[in-house]
Protein backbone atom coordinates (compact mmCIF):
# COMPACT_ATOMS: atom_id res chain seq x y z
CA MET A 1 107.03 104.77 114.17
CA LYS A 2 107.30 107.16 111.26
CA CYS A 3 103.95 108.47 110.00
CA ILE A 4 103.03 109.58 106.49
CA SER A 5 99.69 111.31 105.91
CA VAL A 6 97.90 110.80 102.59
CA TYR A 7 95.12 113.33 102.04
CA THR A 8 92.33 111.46 100.30
CA ASN A 9 89.26 109.50 101.36
CA ASN A 10 89.35 107.43 98.16
CA PHE A 11 90.71 103.96 98.94
CA GLU A 12 91.21 103.09 95.29
CA ALA A 13 93.30 106.24 94.68
CA PHE A 14 95.26 105.54 97.88
CA SER A 15 95.91 101.95 96.73
CA ASP A 16 97.11 103.19 93.33
CA ILE A 17 99.88 105.34 94.90
CA TYR A 18 100.70 103.28 98.00
CA GLU A 19 103.77 101.52 96.55
CA GLN A 20 105.06 104.82 95.08
CA ILE A 21 104.82 106.42 98.53
CA LEU A 22 106.73 103.56 100.16
CA ALA A 23 109.40 103.72 97.43
CA ALA A 24 109.93 107.48 97.89
CA PRO A 25 108.45 108.59 101.23
CA PRO A 26 108.44 112.29 102.13
CA GLU A 27 110.79 113.57 104.80
CA GLU A 28 109.35 115.01 108.01
CA ASN A 29 107.41 118.22 107.26
CA GLU A 30 107.78 117.65 103.51
CA ASP A 31 104.80 117.61 101.14
CA LEU A 32 104.85 115.59 97.93
CA VAL A 33 102.12 115.11 95.33
CA PHE A 34 101.41 111.68 93.84
CA GLU A 35 98.82 111.64 91.05
CA GLY A 36 97.22 114.82 92.41
CA ILE A 37 97.10 113.61 96.03
CA THR A 38 99.11 115.44 98.72
CA VAL A 39 101.32 113.21 100.86
CA SER A 40 103.05 114.63 103.96
CA GLY A 41 105.77 113.40 106.22
CA SER A 42 104.19 113.74 109.65
CA GLY A 43 107.19 112.70 111.71
CA ASP A 44 107.32 110.11 114.46
CA VAL A 45 104.30 108.85 116.40
CA PRO A 46 104.41 106.70 119.55
CA GLU A 47 103.06 103.13 119.51
CA GLN A 48 100.32 104.36 121.89
CA TYR A 49 98.95 106.60 119.12
CA ILE A 50 97.95 103.56 117.08
CA GLU A 51 96.35 101.94 120.11
CA ARG A 52 94.36 105.11 120.89
CA MET A 53 93.19 105.39 117.27
CA ARG A 54 92.31 101.66 117.07
CA VAL A 55 89.53 102.00 119.66
CA LYS A 56 87.75 104.89 117.86
CA PRO A 57 84.72 103.69 115.86
CA GLU A 58 85.40 106.14 112.98
CA VAL A 59 88.93 104.78 112.36
CA VAL A 60 89.66 101.86 110.03
CA VAL A 61 92.88 100.01 110.89
CA MET A 62 94.73 97.93 108.29
CA LYS A 63 98.00 96.06 108.76
CA GLU A 64 100.60 94.89 106.30
CA LYS A 65 101.92 92.12 108.52
CA GLY A 66 105.05 91.13 106.58
CA LYS A 67 106.40 94.69 106.75
CA GLY A 68 105.04 95.78 110.17
CA ILE A 69 103.17 98.65 108.52
CA THR A 70 99.92 99.95 110.03
CA ILE A 71 97.51 102.06 107.96
CA LEU A 72 94.86 104.17 109.69
CA GLN A 73 91.99 105.68 107.71
CA HIS A 74 89.76 108.33 109.19
CA GLY A 75 87.95 111.26 107.69
CA ASN A 76 89.76 112.42 104.56
CA VAL A 77 93.18 111.01 105.44
CA PHE A 78 95.10 107.78 105.41
CA GLU A 79 98.06 107.53 107.81
CA ILE A 80 100.81 105.07 106.94
CA CYS A 81 102.77 104.17 110.10
CA LEU A 82 106.12 102.59 109.31
CA PRO A 83 108.55 100.92 111.73
CA VAL A 84 111.45 103.35 112.08
CA ASP A 85 114.11 100.82 111.00
CA SER A 86 112.50 100.18 107.58
CA ALA A 87 111.71 103.87 107.09
CA ASP A 88 115.38 104.76 107.63
CA ALA A 89 116.61 102.21 105.07
CA GLY A 90 116.13 104.67 102.20
């Protein structure tokens, strides 16, 4: 899965830029700024990463079922985990 890190702890701000991020995701090791929030291409993560994060009490896990997207929120970061096939479509 391809992972994109969004550096904010504000869910409303994250929601406001979420579709923009999906429309123009950063490349691996690239930083972009959407409405003052830094967004980084964090590269690929294994499926096991999501499973390990899911069991931690400080991590919130959200899924966008229709697209196979998993969003992890912990500390001051949201991580958008995209299936590689849809991430490569752009």
